Amino acid sequence: QDDSVRLWNIHTGVMVLVFAGSSGHRNEVLSVDFHPLEDRKFVSCGMDFAIKIWSFEDNDALVQKSMEWDAEAERVQFPTKYIQRPLFSTMRVHGNYVDCVRWMGDLVLSKSVDNKILLWRPEDDAKRAKDAIRVIQEYSFQDAAIWFIRFGLDFNMSLLTVGNQLGNVFVWEANAFPTTLLAKLSHPTLKLPIRQTGVSFDGRSVLCCCEDGSVLRWDATPDADLTPSRTKQTSRSAVEGENNTLDDEDGDDVDDDDDNEDI
């Protein structure tokens, strides 16, 4: 809530870097994601409508120092450093809170409150504005015009999932061009907003977290259907759901326009 992103060493408990300052976020930060191949690079987004790409590659020596830091032996505070300038910053992608951001290779997936997830990249044309972006693809869905609805992407970046206010989960083939909606998942007990979704490492299971504190899981079967199971916060095991439904979609509600858009 202090508009910063902070990097800790989870082994020593040291706060290594703080990403904030003159060119940092101007409101609460809502989501961050490390680059899948460059472990000194991450992307952040927040309530200031901004998306920023940061790097701490030049501070690798400080990161290594944090690995060996012993607070009791040193008897001094770790020399935490502030990084004020991101590699890239833009407010051109969305016109409201940006509540979720993920890398998809070198491209960025982000979402606001406008019923769509955008796949985009920073524009590398020197003749364009330094915050210009190029939209690659749009994943459209319905009934999610509220913030803090976060999408999920599996490890292999093949499945993209997101929920909505009515308790539906949309599943796309993430790397298909144009967009391909594989399924719209539902369950009779799902009537409230789904706040977050996730996909298992192997892409065979989809999880969703609901506003009533419950969690549902759909598992892929050999014929590619997904059967949900349900667990409450008070339960440690998943219970097979009843009256499970899978709504096959014909893709009518998906924007199939694959034209790139410069902003």
Protein backbone atom coordinates (compact mmCIF):
# COMPACT_ATOMS: atom_id res chain seq x y z
CA GLN A 1 0.00 0.00 0.00
CA ASP A 2 3.02 2.32 0.07
CA ASP A 3 3.26 2.23 -3.77
CA SER A 4 6.45 0.15 -3.71
CA VAL A 5 7.62 -3.29 -4.79
CA ARG A 6 10.01 -4.95 -2.35
CA LEU A 7 12.44 -7.79 -2.95
CA TRP A 8 13.27 -10.11 -0.05
CA ASN A 9 15.70 -12.98 0.25
CA ILE A 10 13.43 -15.73 1.55
CA HIS A 11 16.36 -17.72 3.00
CA THR A 12 17.87 -14.96 5.14
CA GLY A 13 14.79 -12.72 5.55
CA VAL A 14 16.71 -9.74 4.21
CA MET A 15 14.94 -6.98 2.30
CA VAL A 16 17.36 -6.52 -0.59
CA LEU A 17 15.78 -3.91 -2.89
CA VAL A 18 12.87 -1.46 -2.91
CA PHE A 19 11.46 -0.42 -6.27
CA ALA A 20 9.89 2.98 -5.69
CA GLY A 21 10.53 6.66 -6.09
CA SER A 22 10.34 9.34 -8.74
CA SER A 23 9.42 6.94 -11.57
CA GLY A 24 7.74 4.26 -9.47
CA HIS A 25 4.08 3.50 -8.94
CA ARG A 26 1.80 6.30 -7.74
CA ASN A 27 -0.76 4.10 -6.02
CA GLU A 28 -1.06 0.63 -4.51
CA VAL A 29 0.74 -2.17 -6.36
CA LEU A 30 -1.61 -5.08 -7.09
CA SER A 31 0.36 -7.70 -9.00
CA VAL A 32 3.94 -8.66 -9.93
CA ASP A 33 5.45 -11.47 -11.98
CA PHE A 34 9.05 -12.55 -12.60
CA HIS A 35 10.19 -13.08 -16.18
CA PRO A 36 10.22 -16.83 -16.97
CA LEU A 37 13.80 -16.77 -18.33
CA GLU A 38 15.41 -13.62 -16.94
CA ASP A 39 15.32 -14.00 -13.16
CA ARG A 40 16.48 -10.43 -12.52
CA LYS A 41 13.53 -8.94 -14.38
CA PHE A 42 9.87 -8.57 -13.40
CA VAL A 43 6.71 -6.68 -14.29
CA SER A 44 4.35 -4.87 -11.90
CA CYS A 45 0.96 -3.16 -12.10
CA GLY A 46 -1.35 -1.28 -9.80
CA MET A 47 -4.12 1.14 -8.99
CA ASP A 48 -2.33 3.98 -10.80
CA PHE A 49 -3.30 2.34 -14.14
CA ALA A 50 0.44 1.80 -14.80
CA ILE A 51 2.41 -1.27 -15.85
CA LYS A 52 6.15 -1.18 -15.25
CA ILE A 53 9.00 -3.49 -16.21
CA TRP A 54 11.92 -3.52 -13.78
CA SER A 55 15.40 -5.02 -13.74
CA PHE A 56 17.90 -5.48 -10.91
CA GLU A 57 20.61 -7.15 -12.98
CA ASP A 58 23.03 -4.34 -12.08
CA ASN A 59 22.53 -5.14 -8.40
CA ASP A 60 23.50 -8.79 -8.58
CA ALA A 61 26.35 -8.27 -6.12
CA LEU A 62 23.86 -7.00 -3.53
CA VAL A 63 21.61 -10.00 -4.18
CA GLN A 64 24.55 -12.35 -3.67
CA LYS A 65 25.48 -10.51 -0.47
CA SER A 66 21.99 -11.10 0.88
CA MET A 67 22.47 -14.86 0.42
CA GLU A 68 25.24 -14.89 3.06
CA TRP A 69 23.92 -12.18 5.37
CA ASP A 70 23.81 -13.06 9.05
CA ALA A 71 22.00 -10.30 10.94
CA GLU A 72 23.25 -11.45 14.35
CA ALA A 73 26.87 -11.65 13.23
CA GLU A 74 26.84 -8.41 11.24
CA ARG A 75 25.11 -6.41 14.00
CA VAL A 76 24.12 -3.78 11.43
CA GLN A 77 21.16 -3.37 9.13
CA PHE A 78 21.44 -4.79 5.62
CA PRO A 79 22.23 -2.02 3.07
CA THR A 80 18.87 -2.16 1.25
CA LYS A 81 18.96 -0.15 -1.96
CA TYR A 82 16.22 1.83 -3.72
CA ILE A 83 15.66 1.54 -7.46
CA GLN A 84 13.62 4.45 -8.75
CA ARG A 85 13.56 3.98 -12.52
CA PRO A 86 11.99 1.01 -14.33
CA LEU A 87 13.15 -0.21 -17.72
CA PHE A 88 9.72 0.58 -19.16
CA SER A 89 6.54 2.22 -17.92
CA THR A 90 3.19 2.77 -19.59
CA MET A 91 -0.38 3.79 -18.79
CA ARG A 92 -1.56 3.18 -22.36
CA VAL A 93 -2.75 -0.42 -21.94
CA HIS A 94 -5.72 0.09 -19.62
CA GLY A 95 -7.77 3.05 -18.44
CA ASN A 96 -8.45 1.82 -14.91
CA TYR A 97 -6.92 -0.28 -12.11
CA VAL A 98 -4.66 -3.01 -13.49
CA ASP A 99 -5.22 -5.93 -11.12
CA CYS A 100 -3.25 -8.75 -12.75
CA VAL A 101 -0.14 -9.03 -14.91
CA ARG A 102 1.85 -12.04 -16.15
CA TRP A 103 4.67 -12.68 -18.58
CA MET A 104 3.99 -14.89 -21.59
CA GLY A 105 7.50 -15.32 -22.92
CA ASP A 106 8.68 -11.78 -23.67
CA LEU A 107 5.08 -10.62 -24.12
CA VAL A 108 2.88 -9.31 -21.30
CA LEU A 109 -0.64 -10.36 -20.33
CA SER A 110 -2.59 -7.82 -18.29
CA LYS A 111 -6.15 -7.23 -17.13
CA SER A 112 -8.24 -4.36 -15.82
CA VAL A 113 -12.03 -4.00 -15.32
CA ASP A 114 -13.01 -3.92 -18.99
CA ASN A 115 -13.91 -7.59 -19.60
CA LYS A 116 -10.77 -8.47 -21.49
CA ILE A 117 -7.21 -9.67 -21.05
CA LEU A 118 -4.67 -8.06 -23.38
CA LEU A 119 -1.52 -9.65 -24.76
CA TRP A 120 0.96 -6.91 -25.68
CA ARG A 121 4.56 -5.84 -25.81
CA PRO A 122 6.45 -2.57 -25.44
CA GLU A 123 6.91 -0.86 -28.80
CA ASP A 124 10.59 -0.90 -29.74
CA ASP A 125 10.32 1.67 -32.51
CA ALA A 126 12.56 4.62 -31.61
CA LYS A 127 10.28 6.94 -33.56
CA ARG A 128 7.35 6.26 -31.26
CA ALA A 129 6.71 7.49 -27.72
CA LYS A 130 8.80 5.78 -25.05
CA ASP A 131 5.65 4.39 -23.39
CA ALA A 132 4.09 3.11 -26.63
CA ILE A 133 2.85 -0.47 -26.77
CA ARG A 134 1.67 -2.89 -29.44
CA VAL A 135 -1.41 -5.00 -28.68
CA ILE A 136 -0.94 -8.51 -30.07
CA GLN A 137 -4.20 -10.15 -29.04
CA GLU A 138 -7.33 -9.70 -26.93
CA TYR A 139 -9.11 -12.36 -24.85
CA SER A 140 -12.68 -11.11 -24.35
CA PHE A 141 -15.21 -12.38 -21.81
CA GLN A 142 -18.29 -11.06 -19.98
CA ASP A 143 -19.54 -9.91 -16.58
CA ALA A 144 -16.24 -9.00 -14.95
CA ALA A 145 -16.40 -5.22 -14.67
CA ILE A 146 -15.07 -5.23 -11.09
CA TRP A 147 -11.47 -5.21 -9.95
CA PHE A 148 -9.51 -7.97 -8.24
CA ILE A 149 -10.45 -10.77 -10.59
CA ARG A 150 -7.14 -12.40 -11.43
CA PHE A 151 -6.35 -14.77 -14.28
CA GLY A 152 -4.17 -17.87 -14.35
CA LEU A 153 -1.60 -19.21 -16.82
CA ASP A 154 -0.05 -22.66 -16.72
CA PHE A 155 3.71 -23.28 -16.65
CA ASN A 156 3.89 -24.10 -20.35
CA MET A 157 1.81 -21.01 -21.21
CA SER A 158 -0.75 -23.11 -23.07
CA LEU A 159 -3.90 -22.47 -20.99
CA LEU A 160 -5.26 -19.09 -19.87
CA THR A 161 -8.11 -18.97 -17.34
CA VAL A 162 -10.19 -16.25 -15.69
CA GLY A 163 -13.43 -16.04 -13.71
CA ASN A 164 -16.25 -13.51 -13.67
CA GLN A 165 -18.91 -12.07 -11.35
CA LEU A 166 -21.46 -14.79 -12.17
CA GLY A 167 -19.29 -17.76 -11.19
CA ASN A 168 -18.10 -18.80 -14.65
CA VAL A 169 -14.53 -19.73 -15.58
CA PHE A 170 -13.30 -19.10 -19.11
CA VAL A 171 -10.52 -21.30 -20.51
CA TRP A 172 -8.56 -20.30 -23.61
CA GLU A 173 -5.79 -21.89 -25.60
CA ALA A 174 -3.33 -19.16 -24.68
CA ASN A 175 -0.98 -19.35 -27.64
CA ALA A 176 -3.60 -19.76 -30.38
CA PHE A 177 -4.00 -16.99 -32.94
CA PRO A 178 -6.74 -15.87 -33.22
CA THR A 179 -8.05 -16.52 -29.71
CA THR A 180 -9.62 -19.93 -29.11
CA LEU A 181 -12.05 -20.33 -26.19
CA LEU A 182 -11.85 -23.99 -25.16
CA ALA A 183 -14.51 -24.03 -22.45
CA LYS A 184 -16.75 -22.01 -20.17
CA LEU A 185 -16.83 -23.85 -16.86
CA SER A 186 -19.68 -23.56 -14.36
CA HIS A 187 -21.21 -25.27 -11.35
CA PRO A 188 -24.68 -24.96 -9.74
CA THR A 189 -23.17 -23.67 -6.48
CA LEU A 190 -21.14 -20.94 -8.18
CA LYS A 191 -23.15 -17.71 -8.05
CA LEU A 192 -20.63 -15.20 -6.68
CA PRO A 193 -17.53 -13.58 -8.19
CA ILE A 194 -14.52 -15.80 -8.82
CA ARG A 195 -11.56 -13.80 -7.56
CA GLN A 196 -8.69 -15.89 -8.87
CA THR A 197 -7.99 -18.89 -11.08
CA GLY A 198 -4.97 -21.12 -11.49
CA VAL A 199 -3.80 -23.96 -13.71
CA SER A 200 -1.74 -26.93 -12.56
CA PHE A 201 1.83 -27.47 -13.71
CA ASP A 202 0.76 -30.07 -16.28
CA GLY A 203 -2.28 -28.10 -17.45
CA ARG A 204 -4.68 -30.89 -16.45
CA SER A 205 -6.45 -29.13 -13.58
CA VAL A 206 -8.08 -25.72 -13.16
CA LEU A 207 -8.64 -24.12 -9.76
CA CYS A 208 -10.81 -21.16 -8.84
CA CYS A 209 -11.15 -19.20 -5.60
CA CYS A 210 -14.63 -17.84 -4.92
CA GLU A 211 -15.83 -14.88 -2.91
CA ASP A 212 -17.62 -17.16 -0.43
CA GLY A 213 -14.30 -18.70 0.61
CA SER A 214 -14.70 -21.92 -1.37
CA VAL A 215 -12.37 -23.49 -3.93
CA LEU A 216 -13.39 -25.54 -6.97
CA ARG A 217 -11.20 -27.77 -9.09
CA TRP A 218 -11.84 -29.12 -12.56
CA ASP A 219 -9.76 -32.09 -13.71
CA ALA A 220 -9.31 -32.93 -17.39
CA THR A 221 -10.58 -36.38 -18.37
CA PRO A 222 -9.35 -38.41 -21.37
CA ASP A 223 -12.12 -37.00 -23.55
CA ALA A 224 -10.99 -33.46 -22.56
CA ASP A 225 -14.03 -32.70 -20.39
CA LEU A 226 -13.40 -31.10 -17.02
CA THR A 227 -15.15 -32.42 -13.90
CA PRO A 228 -15.21 -30.03 -10.91
CA SER A 229 -14.59 -30.96 -7.33
CA ARG A 230 -15.27 -28.62 -4.43
CA THR A 231 -13.63 -27.87 -1.09
CA LYS A 232 -14.59 -25.37 1.59
CA GLN A 233 -12.05 -23.38 3.60
CA THR A 234 -12.65 -25.66 6.57
CA SER A 235 -11.91 -28.85 4.61
CA ARG A 236 -8.51 -30.25 3.72
CA SER A 237 -9.74 -32.59 0.98
CA ALA A 238 -11.60 -32.01 -2.27
CA VAL A 239 -15.07 -33.48 -2.52
CA GLU A 240 -16.51 -34.51 -5.86
CA GLY A 241 -19.13 -32.00 -6.95
CA GLU A 242 -22.65 -32.92 -7.98
CA ASN A 243 -24.52 -31.78 -11.08
CA ASN A 244 -21.29 -30.80 -12.72
CA THR A 245 -21.68 -28.86 -15.94
CA LEU A 246 -19.41 -27.98 -18.80
CA ASP A 247 -20.71 -25.44 -21.26
CA ASP A 248 -19.15 -25.89 -24.67
CA GLU A 249 -18.58 -22.57 -26.38
CA ASP A 250 -18.75 -21.82 -30.06
CA GLY A 251 -16.48 -18.81 -29.64
CA ASP A 252 -19.10 -16.22 -30.54
CA ASP A 253 -18.13 -14.08 -27.55
CA VAL A 254 -14.44 -14.06 -28.36
CA ASP A 255 -12.81 -11.28 -30.32
CA ASP A 256 -11.24 -13.06 -33.29
CA ASP A 257 -9.71 -9.93 -34.71
CA ASP A 258 -6.02 -10.74 -34.90
CA ASP A 259 -4.92 -7.35 -36.18
CA ASN A 260 -2.18 -5.81 -34.06
CA GLU A 261 -2.96 -2.45 -32.57
CA ASP A 262 -0.45 0.27 -31.79
CA ILE A 263 -1.24 2.54 -28.85
